[in-house]
N, C-alpha and C. Protein backbone atom coordinates (compact mmCIF):
# COMPACT_ATOMS: atom_id res chain seq x y z
N MET A 1 77.05 66.44 95.20
CA MET A 1 77.08 66.14 96.64
C MET A 1 78.51 65.83 97.09
N ASP A 2 79.21 65.01 96.29
CA ASP A 2 80.59 64.66 96.63
C ASP A 2 81.50 65.88 96.56
N ASP A 3 81.23 66.74 95.56
CA ASP A 3 82.02 67.97 95.45
C ASP A 3 81.83 68.85 96.66
N TYR A 4 80.60 68.91 97.17
CA TYR A 4 80.30 69.73 98.35
C TYR A 4 81.03 69.20 99.58
N LYS A 5 81.03 67.87 99.71
CA LYS A 5 81.72 67.25 100.85
C LYS A 5 83.21 67.49 100.78
N ASN A 6 83.78 67.35 99.59
CA ASN A 6 85.21 67.58 99.43
C ASN A 6 85.57 69.02 99.75
N LYS A 7 84.71 69.96 99.28
CA LYS A 7 84.96 71.37 99.53
C LYS A 7 84.88 71.66 101.03
N SER A 8 83.88 71.08 101.71
CA SER A 8 83.73 71.30 103.15
C SER A 8 84.91 70.73 103.91
N GLY A 9 85.39 69.54 103.46
CA GLY A 9 86.54 68.93 104.12
C GLY A 9 87.79 69.75 103.98
N CYS A 10 87.98 70.34 102.79
CA CYS A 10 89.15 71.20 102.56
C CYS A 10 89.10 72.44 103.43
N GLU A 11 87.88 73.02 103.57
CA GLU A 11 87.73 74.22 104.40
C GLU A 11 88.03 73.91 105.87
N ILE A 12 87.58 72.75 106.34
CA ILE A 12 87.85 72.35 107.72
C ILE A 12 89.34 72.16 107.95
N ASN A 13 90.00 71.50 106.99
CA ASN A 13 91.43 71.27 107.12
C ASN A 13 92.22 72.58 107.13
N LYS A 14 91.79 73.52 106.25
CA LYS A 14 92.46 74.82 106.22
C LYS A 14 92.24 75.57 107.52
N GLY A 15 91.01 75.47 108.07
CA GLY A 15 90.71 76.13 109.34
C GLY A 15 91.54 75.56 110.48
N ASN A 16 91.66 74.24 110.54
CA ASN A 16 92.47 73.59 111.57
C ASN A 16 93.94 73.95 111.43
N SER A 17 94.41 74.00 110.17
CA SER A 17 95.80 74.36 109.93
C SER A 17 96.10 75.78 110.39
N ARG A 18 95.17 76.71 110.07
CA ARG A 18 95.35 78.10 110.50
C ARG A 18 95.36 78.22 112.01
N ARG A 19 94.47 77.49 112.66
CA ARG A 19 94.41 77.56 114.13
C ARG A 19 95.66 76.95 114.76
N PHE A 20 96.18 75.88 114.14
CA PHE A 20 97.41 75.26 114.65
C PHE A 20 98.54 76.27 114.66
N TRP A 21 98.75 76.96 113.52
CA TRP A 21 99.84 77.93 113.44
C TRP A 21 99.58 79.15 114.31
N LYS A 22 98.31 79.49 114.49
CA LYS A 22 97.96 80.61 115.36
C LYS A 22 98.33 80.31 116.80
N GLU A 23 97.99 79.10 117.26
CA GLU A 23 98.33 78.71 118.62
C GLU A 23 99.84 78.62 118.80
N LEU A 24 100.54 78.13 117.79
CA LEU A 24 101.99 78.01 117.86
C LEU A 24 102.64 79.40 117.98
N ALA A 25 102.19 80.33 117.15
CA ALA A 25 102.77 81.68 117.18
C ALA A 25 102.39 82.44 118.45
N LYS A 26 101.21 82.17 118.97
CA LYS A 26 100.74 82.89 120.16
C LYS A 26 101.65 82.63 121.36
N GLY A 27 102.12 81.41 121.50
CA GLY A 27 102.98 81.08 122.63
C GLY A 27 104.35 81.74 122.56
N VAL A 28 104.78 82.05 121.35
CA VAL A 28 106.11 82.65 121.19
C VAL A 28 106.10 84.13 121.52
N VAL A 29 105.05 84.84 121.06
CA VAL A 29 105.03 86.31 121.21
C VAL A 29 103.92 86.77 122.14
N ILE A 30 102.68 86.54 121.75
CA ILE A 30 101.53 87.10 122.48
C ILE A 30 101.43 86.57 123.90
N SER A 31 101.70 85.28 124.08
CA SER A 31 101.61 84.66 125.41
C SER A 31 102.96 84.10 125.86
N ASN A 32 104.02 84.84 125.56
CA ASN A 32 105.35 84.37 125.99
C ASN A 32 105.35 84.15 127.50
N PRO A 33 105.71 82.95 127.97
CA PRO A 33 105.57 82.64 129.40
C PRO A 33 106.45 83.48 130.32
N VAL A 34 107.57 83.98 129.83
CA VAL A 34 108.50 84.74 130.67
C VAL A 34 108.24 86.23 130.58
N PHE A 35 108.19 86.77 129.36
CA PHE A 35 108.10 88.22 129.19
C PHE A 35 106.67 88.76 129.23
N ILE A 36 105.68 87.94 128.90
CA ILE A 36 104.29 88.41 128.90
C ILE A 36 103.53 87.89 130.12
N LEU A 37 103.54 86.58 130.32
CA LEU A 37 102.81 85.98 131.44
C LEU A 37 103.62 85.99 132.74
N THR A 38 104.93 86.19 132.63
CA THR A 38 105.86 86.19 133.78
C THR A 38 105.62 84.97 134.69
N LEU A 39 105.63 83.79 134.08
CA LEU A 39 105.48 82.53 134.81
C LEU A 39 106.81 81.76 134.80
N GLY A 40 106.97 80.89 135.77
CA GLY A 40 108.15 80.04 135.82
C GLY A 40 109.45 80.79 135.99
N LEU A 41 109.44 81.90 136.73
CA LEU A 41 110.64 82.73 136.86
C LEU A 41 111.70 82.13 137.77
N CYS A 42 111.32 81.19 138.63
CA CYS A 42 112.30 80.59 139.54
C CYS A 42 113.46 79.93 138.78
N PRO A 43 113.20 78.98 137.86
CA PRO A 43 114.32 78.41 137.09
C PRO A 43 114.96 79.41 136.15
N VAL A 44 114.18 80.39 135.67
CA VAL A 44 114.74 81.41 134.78
C VAL A 44 115.83 82.19 135.49
N LEU A 45 115.57 82.59 136.73
CA LEU A 45 116.56 83.33 137.51
C LEU A 45 117.75 82.46 137.90
N ALA A 46 117.50 81.18 138.11
CA ALA A 46 118.54 80.31 138.67
C ALA A 46 119.51 79.77 137.63
N ILE A 47 119.03 79.43 136.45
CA ILE A 47 119.89 78.67 135.51
C ILE A 47 120.35 79.45 134.29
N THR A 48 119.98 80.73 134.20
CA THR A 48 120.35 81.49 133.00
C THR A 48 121.72 82.16 133.12
N SER A 49 122.57 81.65 133.98
CA SER A 49 123.93 82.19 134.06
C SER A 49 124.79 81.74 132.88
N SER A 50 124.31 80.75 132.11
CA SER A 50 125.03 80.30 130.92
C SER A 50 124.03 79.82 129.88
N ILE A 51 124.40 79.94 128.61
CA ILE A 51 123.51 79.49 127.52
C ILE A 51 123.36 77.98 127.54
N THR A 52 124.40 77.26 127.93
CA THR A 52 124.33 75.80 128.00
C THR A 52 123.23 75.35 128.96
N ASN A 53 123.19 75.97 130.14
CA ASN A 53 122.14 75.65 131.10
C ASN A 53 120.76 76.01 130.55
N ALA A 54 120.69 77.15 129.87
CA ALA A 54 119.42 77.59 129.31
C ALA A 54 118.90 76.61 128.27
N LEU A 55 119.78 76.09 127.43
CA LEU A 55 119.38 75.11 126.41
C LEU A 55 118.93 73.81 127.05
N GLY A 56 119.63 73.39 128.09
CA GLY A 56 119.25 72.16 128.78
C GLY A 56 117.89 72.26 129.43
N MET A 57 117.64 73.37 130.14
CA MET A 57 116.33 73.57 130.77
C MET A 57 115.23 73.72 129.73
N SER A 58 115.53 74.43 128.64
CA SER A 58 114.54 74.60 127.57
C SER A 58 114.14 73.26 126.95
N ALA A 59 115.13 72.40 126.73
CA ALA A 59 114.84 71.07 126.18
C ALA A 59 113.93 70.29 127.11
N GLY A 60 114.20 70.38 128.41
CA GLY A 60 113.36 69.68 129.38
C GLY A 60 111.94 70.20 129.39
N VAL A 61 111.77 71.52 129.36
CA VAL A 61 110.44 72.12 129.39
C VAL A 61 109.67 71.77 128.12
N ILE A 62 110.31 71.85 126.96
CA ILE A 62 109.62 71.52 125.71
C ILE A 62 109.20 70.05 125.69
N PHE A 63 110.10 69.16 126.10
CA PHE A 63 109.78 67.73 126.11
C PHE A 63 108.61 67.43 127.03
N VAL A 64 108.69 67.92 128.26
CA VAL A 64 107.64 67.63 129.25
C VAL A 64 106.33 68.30 128.85
N LEU A 65 106.40 69.54 128.38
CA LEU A 65 105.19 70.27 128.00
C LEU A 65 104.49 69.59 126.83
N LEU A 66 105.26 69.19 125.82
CA LEU A 66 104.67 68.55 124.64
C LEU A 66 104.06 67.20 124.99
N CYS A 67 104.82 66.37 125.69
CA CYS A 67 104.32 65.02 126.04
C CYS A 67 103.13 65.08 126.98
N SER A 68 103.19 65.95 127.99
CA SER A 68 102.10 66.02 128.96
C SER A 68 100.84 66.63 128.33
N ASN A 69 101.00 67.63 127.48
CA ASN A 69 99.83 68.21 126.81
C ASN A 69 99.13 67.18 125.93
N ILE A 70 99.92 66.42 125.19
CA ILE A 70 99.34 65.39 124.32
C ILE A 70 98.63 64.32 125.15
N MET A 71 99.27 63.87 126.22
CA MET A 71 98.66 62.84 127.06
C MET A 71 97.40 63.35 127.76
N ILE A 72 97.47 64.55 128.33
CA ILE A 72 96.32 65.09 129.07
C ILE A 72 95.16 65.36 128.12
N SER A 73 95.45 65.86 126.93
CA SER A 73 94.39 66.08 125.95
C SER A 73 93.75 64.76 125.52
N SER A 74 94.57 63.71 125.42
CA SER A 74 94.06 62.40 125.00
C SER A 74 93.10 61.80 126.02
N ILE A 75 93.36 62.05 127.31
CA ILE A 75 92.54 61.44 128.36
C ILE A 75 91.57 62.43 129.00
N ARG A 76 91.40 63.61 128.39
CA ARG A 76 90.60 64.66 129.03
C ARG A 76 89.16 64.25 129.27
N LYS A 77 88.59 63.45 128.36
CA LYS A 77 87.18 63.05 128.51
C LYS A 77 87.01 61.92 129.53
N ALA A 78 88.10 61.22 129.82
CA ALA A 78 88.03 60.11 130.77
C ALA A 78 88.51 60.51 132.17
N THR A 79 88.96 61.76 132.32
CA THR A 79 89.49 62.20 133.61
C THR A 79 88.38 62.86 134.43
N PRO A 80 88.05 62.32 135.61
CA PRO A 80 87.04 62.94 136.46
C PRO A 80 87.45 64.35 136.88
N LEU A 81 86.50 65.25 136.90
CA LEU A 81 86.79 66.66 137.20
C LEU A 81 87.41 66.84 138.57
N MET A 82 86.97 66.06 139.55
CA MET A 82 87.42 66.24 140.94
C MET A 82 88.88 65.85 141.14
N VAL A 83 89.42 64.97 140.29
CA VAL A 83 90.80 64.50 140.49
C VAL A 83 91.71 64.91 139.34
N ARG A 84 91.30 65.90 138.58
CA ARG A 84 92.08 66.25 137.39
C ARG A 84 93.47 66.78 137.74
N ILE A 85 93.60 67.59 138.79
CA ILE A 85 94.90 68.16 139.15
C ILE A 85 95.89 67.07 139.56
N PRO A 86 95.51 66.13 140.47
CA PRO A 86 96.43 65.03 140.78
C PRO A 86 96.81 64.20 139.55
N VAL A 87 95.86 64.00 138.65
CA VAL A 87 96.16 63.26 137.41
C VAL A 87 97.18 64.03 136.58
N PHE A 88 96.99 65.34 136.45
CA PHE A 88 97.93 66.17 135.69
C PHE A 88 99.33 66.06 136.28
N ILE A 89 99.42 66.14 137.59
CA ILE A 89 100.73 66.12 138.26
C ILE A 89 101.43 64.77 138.05
N VAL A 90 100.66 63.68 138.12
CA VAL A 90 101.24 62.36 137.90
C VAL A 90 101.76 62.23 136.47
N VAL A 91 100.99 62.71 135.51
CA VAL A 91 101.41 62.66 134.10
C VAL A 91 102.69 63.48 133.91
N ILE A 92 102.69 64.69 134.43
CA ILE A 92 103.86 65.57 134.29
C ILE A 92 105.07 64.97 134.97
N ALA A 93 104.89 64.44 136.18
CA ALA A 93 106.01 63.85 136.93
C ALA A 93 106.60 62.65 136.20
N THR A 94 105.77 61.90 135.51
CA THR A 94 106.25 60.75 134.75
C THR A 94 107.21 61.19 133.65
N PHE A 95 106.83 62.19 132.89
CA PHE A 95 107.68 62.66 131.79
C PHE A 95 108.92 63.39 132.31
N VAL A 96 108.80 64.08 133.42
CA VAL A 96 109.98 64.72 134.03
C VAL A 96 110.99 63.66 134.46
N THR A 97 110.52 62.58 135.04
CA THR A 97 111.40 61.49 135.46
C THR A 97 112.11 60.87 134.27
N ILE A 98 111.36 60.64 133.19
CA ILE A 98 111.96 60.07 131.97
C ILE A 98 113.06 60.99 131.45
N PHE A 99 112.75 62.29 131.36
CA PHE A 99 113.73 63.24 130.83
C PHE A 99 114.94 63.35 131.75
N SER A 100 114.73 63.37 133.05
CA SER A 100 115.83 63.48 134.00
C SER A 100 116.77 62.28 133.92
N LEU A 101 116.21 61.08 133.79
CA LEU A 101 117.03 59.88 133.67
C LEU A 101 117.83 59.87 132.36
N LEU A 102 117.20 60.33 131.28
CA LEU A 102 117.92 60.42 130.00
C LEU A 102 119.06 61.42 130.08
N PHE A 103 118.81 62.55 130.70
CA PHE A 103 119.85 63.57 130.84
C PHE A 103 120.99 63.07 131.72
N GLU A 104 120.63 62.38 132.79
CA GLU A 104 121.66 61.86 133.70
C GLU A 104 122.52 60.81 133.00
N ALA A 105 121.93 60.07 132.08
CA ALA A 105 122.66 59.02 131.38
C ALA A 105 123.56 59.57 130.27
N TYR A 106 123.05 60.55 129.52
CA TYR A 106 123.76 61.01 128.32
C TYR A 106 124.44 62.38 128.47
N PHE A 107 123.99 63.19 129.43
CA PHE A 107 124.59 64.51 129.65
C PHE A 107 124.83 64.74 131.14
N PRO A 108 125.70 63.93 131.76
CA PRO A 108 125.90 64.03 133.22
C PRO A 108 126.33 65.41 133.71
N PRO A 109 127.28 66.10 133.04
CA PRO A 109 127.68 67.43 133.54
C PRO A 109 126.53 68.43 133.52
N LEU A 110 125.74 68.41 132.44
CA LEU A 110 124.61 69.34 132.35
C LEU A 110 123.53 68.98 133.37
N HIS A 111 123.32 67.69 133.57
CA HIS A 111 122.34 67.24 134.56
C HIS A 111 122.75 67.72 135.95
N LYS A 112 124.04 67.65 136.26
CA LYS A 112 124.54 68.10 137.55
C LYS A 112 124.44 69.62 137.67
N SER A 113 124.69 70.32 136.57
CA SER A 113 124.65 71.78 136.58
C SER A 113 123.23 72.30 136.82
N LEU A 114 122.25 71.64 136.22
CA LEU A 114 120.86 72.07 136.41
C LEU A 114 120.34 71.73 137.79
N GLY A 115 120.89 70.68 138.39
CA GLY A 115 120.59 70.34 139.78
C GLY A 115 119.12 70.11 140.05
N ILE A 116 118.66 70.70 141.16
CA ILE A 116 117.29 70.47 141.63
C ILE A 116 116.25 71.08 140.70
N TYR A 117 116.67 72.01 139.84
CA TYR A 117 115.69 72.70 138.99
C TYR A 117 115.16 71.81 137.88
N LEU A 118 115.85 70.75 137.55
CA LEU A 118 115.34 69.81 136.55
C LEU A 118 114.14 69.03 137.08
N PRO A 119 114.24 68.36 138.24
CA PRO A 119 113.04 67.68 138.77
C PRO A 119 111.93 68.64 139.18
N LEU A 120 112.28 69.89 139.47
CA LEU A 120 111.26 70.86 139.86
C LEU A 120 110.38 71.30 138.69
N ILE A 121 110.68 70.83 137.48
CA ILE A 121 109.79 71.08 136.34
C ILE A 121 108.39 70.52 136.64
N VAL A 122 108.34 69.51 137.51
CA VAL A 122 107.05 68.90 137.88
C VAL A 122 106.07 69.95 138.39
N VAL A 123 106.56 70.90 139.19
CA VAL A 123 105.67 71.90 139.78
C VAL A 123 105.80 73.25 139.09
N ASN A 124 106.41 73.27 137.91
CA ASN A 124 106.51 74.52 137.16
C ASN A 124 105.11 74.97 136.74
N CYS A 125 104.79 76.22 137.07
CA CYS A 125 103.42 76.69 136.82
C CYS A 125 103.12 76.81 135.33
N ILE A 126 104.15 76.89 134.49
CA ILE A 126 103.90 76.92 133.04
C ILE A 126 103.30 75.58 132.59
N ILE A 127 103.92 74.49 133.04
CA ILE A 127 103.48 73.15 132.61
C ILE A 127 102.07 72.86 133.13
N LEU A 128 101.89 73.03 134.44
CA LEU A 128 100.58 72.74 135.03
C LEU A 128 99.51 73.69 134.53
N GLY A 129 99.90 74.94 134.31
CA GLY A 129 98.94 75.92 133.82
C GLY A 129 98.43 75.60 132.43
N ARG A 130 99.32 75.20 131.52
CA ARG A 130 98.87 74.85 130.17
C ARG A 130 98.03 73.58 130.18
N ALA A 131 98.34 72.67 131.09
CA ALA A 131 97.53 71.45 131.19
C ALA A 131 96.11 71.79 131.62
N GLU A 132 95.98 72.66 132.61
CA GLU A 132 94.66 73.01 133.13
C GLU A 132 93.89 73.95 132.19
N VAL A 133 94.56 74.96 131.68
CA VAL A 133 93.89 75.99 130.89
C VAL A 133 93.63 75.55 129.46
N PHE A 134 94.56 74.78 128.87
CA PHE A 134 94.44 74.50 127.43
C PHE A 134 94.28 73.02 127.12
N ALA A 135 95.24 72.18 127.53
CA ALA A 135 95.24 70.78 127.08
C ALA A 135 94.00 70.03 127.53
N SER A 136 93.47 70.34 128.71
CA SER A 136 92.31 69.62 129.22
C SER A 136 91.01 70.04 128.53
N LYS A 137 91.08 71.05 127.65
CA LYS A 137 89.88 71.56 127.01
C LYS A 137 89.95 71.53 125.48
N ASN A 138 91.09 71.11 124.92
CA ASN A 138 91.26 71.18 123.47
C ASN A 138 91.77 69.85 122.91
N SER A 139 91.77 69.78 121.58
CA SER A 139 92.19 68.55 120.89
C SER A 139 93.68 68.32 121.04
N VAL A 140 94.10 67.12 120.66
CA VAL A 140 95.51 66.74 120.77
C VAL A 140 96.39 67.62 119.88
N VAL A 141 95.93 67.88 118.66
CA VAL A 141 96.72 68.67 117.70
C VAL A 141 96.92 70.08 118.21
N LEU A 142 95.85 70.71 118.68
CA LEU A 142 95.96 72.08 119.18
C LEU A 142 96.77 72.13 120.48
N SER A 143 96.65 71.10 121.30
CA SER A 143 97.44 71.04 122.54
C SER A 143 98.93 70.91 122.23
N ALA A 144 99.24 70.15 121.18
CA ALA A 144 100.64 70.04 120.76
C ALA A 144 101.15 71.38 120.24
N ALA A 145 100.32 72.09 119.47
CA ALA A 145 100.71 73.42 118.98
C ALA A 145 100.94 74.39 120.12
N ASP A 146 100.05 74.35 121.11
CA ASP A 146 100.21 75.22 122.28
C ASP A 146 101.50 74.91 123.03
N ALA A 147 101.79 73.62 123.19
CA ALA A 147 103.01 73.22 123.90
C ALA A 147 104.26 73.67 123.17
N LEU A 148 104.28 73.50 121.85
CA LEU A 148 105.44 73.92 121.06
C LEU A 148 105.61 75.43 121.10
N GLY A 149 104.50 76.17 120.98
CA GLY A 149 104.58 77.62 121.02
C GLY A 149 105.10 78.14 122.35
N ILE A 150 104.51 77.65 123.43
CA ILE A 150 104.96 78.07 124.77
C ILE A 150 106.40 77.63 125.00
N GLY A 151 106.74 76.41 124.56
CA GLY A 151 108.10 75.91 124.74
C GLY A 151 109.13 76.72 123.98
N PHE A 152 108.83 77.06 122.73
CA PHE A 152 109.74 77.89 121.94
C PHE A 152 109.85 79.30 122.53
N GLY A 153 108.73 79.84 123.00
CA GLY A 153 108.76 81.15 123.64
C GLY A 153 109.62 81.15 124.89
N PHE A 154 109.51 80.09 125.68
CA PHE A 154 110.33 79.94 126.88
C PHE A 154 111.81 79.82 126.51
N THR A 155 112.09 79.07 125.45
CA THR A 155 113.47 78.90 124.99
C THR A 155 114.09 80.21 124.54
N ILE A 156 113.34 80.97 123.74
CA ILE A 156 113.84 82.26 123.26
C ILE A 156 114.14 83.19 124.43
N ALA A 157 113.23 83.22 125.41
CA ALA A 157 113.43 84.08 126.57
C ALA A 157 114.68 83.68 127.35
N LEU A 158 114.86 82.38 127.57
CA LEU A 158 116.03 81.90 128.33
C LEU A 158 117.33 82.20 127.59
N ILE A 159 117.34 82.02 126.27
CA ILE A 159 118.56 82.29 125.51
C ILE A 159 118.92 83.77 125.55
N MET A 160 117.91 84.63 125.42
CA MET A 160 118.18 86.07 125.47
C MET A 160 118.75 86.48 126.82
N ILE A 161 118.14 86.00 127.90
CA ILE A 161 118.59 86.36 129.24
C ILE A 161 119.97 85.79 129.52
N SER A 162 120.18 84.53 129.20
CA SER A 162 121.47 83.89 129.49
C SER A 162 122.59 84.47 128.63
N PHE A 163 122.27 84.86 127.39
CA PHE A 163 123.28 85.47 126.52
C PHE A 163 123.81 86.77 127.14
N LEU A 164 122.90 87.61 127.59
CA LEU A 164 123.31 88.87 128.21
C LEU A 164 124.07 88.63 129.51
N ARG A 165 123.57 87.73 130.33
CA ARG A 165 124.21 87.48 131.63
C ARG A 165 125.60 86.87 131.47
N GLU A 166 125.72 85.89 130.58
CA GLU A 166 127.01 85.24 130.39
C GLU A 166 128.02 86.18 129.74
N THR A 167 127.56 86.96 128.76
CA THR A 167 128.46 87.89 128.08
C THR A 167 128.99 88.95 129.04
N LEU A 168 128.08 89.56 129.80
CA LEU A 168 128.50 90.62 130.72
C LEU A 168 129.21 90.07 131.95
N GLY A 169 128.79 88.88 132.39
CA GLY A 169 129.34 88.33 133.63
C GLY A 169 130.66 87.60 133.49
N THR A 170 130.96 87.11 132.28
CA THR A 170 132.22 86.38 132.08
C THR A 170 133.07 86.95 130.95
N GLY A 171 132.49 87.77 130.10
CA GLY A 171 133.23 88.34 128.97
C GLY A 171 133.35 87.40 127.79
N SER A 172 132.67 86.27 127.84
CA SER A 172 132.72 85.31 126.73
C SER A 172 131.44 84.48 126.74
N VAL A 173 131.24 83.72 125.66
CA VAL A 173 130.07 82.85 125.55
C VAL A 173 130.53 81.47 125.12
N GLU A 174 130.13 80.45 125.89
CA GLU A 174 130.44 79.06 125.56
C GLU A 174 129.16 78.26 125.46
N ILE A 175 129.13 77.33 124.51
CA ILE A 175 128.01 76.39 124.39
C ILE A 175 128.57 74.98 124.39
N PHE A 176 128.24 74.22 125.41
CA PHE A 176 128.71 72.84 125.57
C PHE A 176 130.24 72.75 125.45
N GLY A 177 130.92 73.69 126.12
CA GLY A 177 132.38 73.67 126.18
C GLY A 177 133.08 74.30 125.00
N ARG A 178 132.35 74.71 123.97
CA ARG A 178 132.96 75.34 122.78
C ARG A 178 132.75 76.85 122.86
N GLN A 179 133.84 77.60 122.89
CA GLN A 179 133.77 79.05 123.01
C GLN A 179 133.36 79.69 121.68
N LEU A 180 132.31 80.50 121.72
CA LEU A 180 131.84 81.18 120.53
C LEU A 180 132.59 82.48 120.29
N PHE A 181 132.77 83.24 121.35
CA PHE A 181 133.54 84.48 121.23
C PHE A 181 134.01 84.92 122.61
N LYS A 182 134.96 85.85 122.60
CA LYS A 182 135.53 86.38 123.84
C LYS A 182 135.78 87.87 123.66
N LEU A 183 135.27 88.67 124.59
CA LEU A 183 135.45 90.12 124.53
C LEU A 183 136.71 90.50 125.30
N PRO A 184 137.66 91.14 124.65
CA PRO A 184 138.96 91.43 125.29
C PRO A 184 138.86 92.16 126.63
N GLY A 185 138.06 93.21 126.69
CA GLY A 185 137.97 93.98 127.92
C GLY A 185 137.24 93.24 129.03
N LEU A 186 136.04 92.71 128.71
CA LEU A 186 135.22 92.05 129.72
C LEU A 186 135.80 90.72 130.18
N SER A 187 136.55 90.05 129.34
CA SER A 187 137.12 88.76 129.74
C SER A 187 138.17 88.92 130.84
N VAL A 188 138.82 90.09 130.87
CA VAL A 188 139.81 90.36 131.92
C VAL A 188 139.14 90.92 133.17
N HIS A 189 138.18 91.82 132.97
CA HIS A 189 137.46 92.43 134.10
C HIS A 189 135.96 92.25 133.89
N PRO A 190 135.45 91.04 134.10
CA PRO A 190 134.02 90.78 133.86
C PRO A 190 133.16 91.44 134.93
N LEU A 191 131.93 91.73 134.56
CA LEU A 191 130.95 92.28 135.50
C LEU A 191 130.23 91.11 136.17
N THR A 192 130.88 90.52 137.16
CA THR A 192 130.38 89.28 137.78
C THR A 192 129.02 89.45 138.45
N PHE A 193 128.62 90.67 138.68
CA PHE A 193 127.29 90.93 139.25
C PHE A 193 126.20 90.29 138.41
N PHE A 194 126.40 90.26 137.08
CA PHE A 194 125.34 89.80 136.19
C PHE A 194 125.13 88.29 136.22
N ILE A 195 126.07 87.52 136.74
CA ILE A 195 125.84 86.07 136.86
C ILE A 195 125.36 85.70 138.26
N SER A 196 125.08 86.71 139.08
CA SER A 196 124.50 86.49 140.40
C SER A 196 122.98 86.62 140.30
N PRO A 197 122.24 86.13 141.29
CA PRO A 197 120.77 86.26 141.25
C PRO A 197 120.26 87.69 141.10
N PRO A 198 120.83 88.69 141.80
CA PRO A 198 120.36 90.06 141.56
C PRO A 198 120.58 90.51 140.11
N GLY A 199 121.68 90.03 139.50
CA GLY A 199 121.94 90.35 138.10
C GLY A 199 120.87 89.80 137.19
N ALA A 200 120.34 88.62 137.53
CA ALA A 200 119.26 88.03 136.73
C ALA A 200 118.01 88.90 136.80
N PHE A 201 117.67 89.39 137.99
CA PHE A 201 116.52 90.29 138.14
C PHE A 201 116.71 91.54 137.29
N LEU A 202 117.91 92.09 137.32
CA LEU A 202 118.19 93.31 136.57
C LEU A 202 118.05 93.09 135.07
N VAL A 203 118.61 92.00 134.56
CA VAL A 203 118.54 91.72 133.12
C VAL A 203 117.09 91.52 132.68
N ILE A 204 116.32 90.74 133.46
CA ILE A 204 114.91 90.52 133.11
C ILE A 204 114.15 91.84 133.14
N GLY A 205 114.43 92.67 134.15
CA GLY A 205 113.77 93.96 134.24
C GLY A 205 114.09 94.86 133.05
N ILE A 206 115.36 94.86 132.64
CA ILE A 206 115.77 95.67 131.47
C ILE A 206 115.07 95.18 130.21
N LEU A 207 115.01 93.87 130.02
CA LEU A 207 114.35 93.31 128.83
C LEU A 207 112.85 93.61 128.82
N LEU A 208 112.21 93.49 130.00
CA LEU A 208 110.78 93.80 130.08
C LEU A 208 110.53 95.28 129.76
N ALA A 209 111.39 96.15 130.28
CA ALA A 209 111.25 97.58 129.99
C ALA A 209 111.46 97.86 128.51
N LEU A 210 112.44 97.19 127.91
CA LEU A 210 112.72 97.38 126.49
C LEU A 210 111.54 96.94 125.63
N PHE A 211 110.99 95.77 125.94
CA PHE A 211 109.86 95.25 125.16
C PHE A 211 108.62 96.13 125.32
N ARG A 212 108.42 96.67 126.52
CA ARG A 212 107.29 97.58 126.73
C ARG A 212 107.49 98.87 125.93
N TRP A 213 108.73 99.34 125.88
CA TRP A 213 109.03 100.59 125.19
C TRP A 213 108.83 100.47 123.67
N ILE A 214 109.23 99.32 123.11
CA ILE A 214 109.09 99.15 121.66
C ILE A 214 107.71 98.63 121.27
N GLY A 215 106.88 98.33 122.26
CA GLY A 215 105.50 97.96 121.98
C GLY A 215 105.18 96.49 121.95
N VAL A 216 106.17 95.63 122.23
CA VAL A 216 105.90 94.18 122.27
C VAL A 216 104.98 93.87 123.44
N ILE A 217 105.23 94.51 124.58
CA ILE A 217 104.38 94.38 125.76
C ILE A 217 103.54 95.64 125.87
N ARG A 218 102.23 95.48 125.92
CA ARG A 218 101.36 96.64 125.99
C ARG A 218 100.99 96.94 127.44
N GLY A 219 100.88 98.21 127.75
CA GLY A 219 100.49 98.62 129.10
C GLY A 219 99.03 98.32 129.37
N GLU A 220 98.68 98.43 130.65
CA GLU A 220 97.30 98.15 131.03
C GLU A 220 96.37 99.24 130.45
């Protein structure tokens, strides 16, 4: 009898572990918020003119998404259905405020560079969407996996877009004031169009077309 219980417990743990990694991987590739779901494009277009900005916004989204998913999943059974959306927004706004104050205290230049888009994480459809679709219906562990997966997927997308825009638009790449490389031709005559908002649309469109062509994004 004890052997049967131990065996059943091991199978449950293995099943939970597999599902955790499945949810984590799904957010990076299958449900990438930028390239697959095309959500939260407003900050993506606005702050991807540099990798530094992209890393700052990504850190904010991962922090808020992880904390809010865990909190919302923890209180999901105690939250009345009729007021769940206001509760979600209050939870998200609390963590956004905490992150914004920390950034303002320890990274003032980056906080200033991100501007209004940092507090606007409160109404980011990625955060609220995962709270409504996933965290309010699943366990804390799976909600954390979903948050990490979506957050990492968002980070990868922002780094790819900002790398192309900064390289083409300035001819060099800097991270937190440290120059990684400089292209001789582009540094003298940069394609400044790519660090403008229309340039962001073009880069995202090129990446979406590329991913569809190689099969990462499947057609209807």
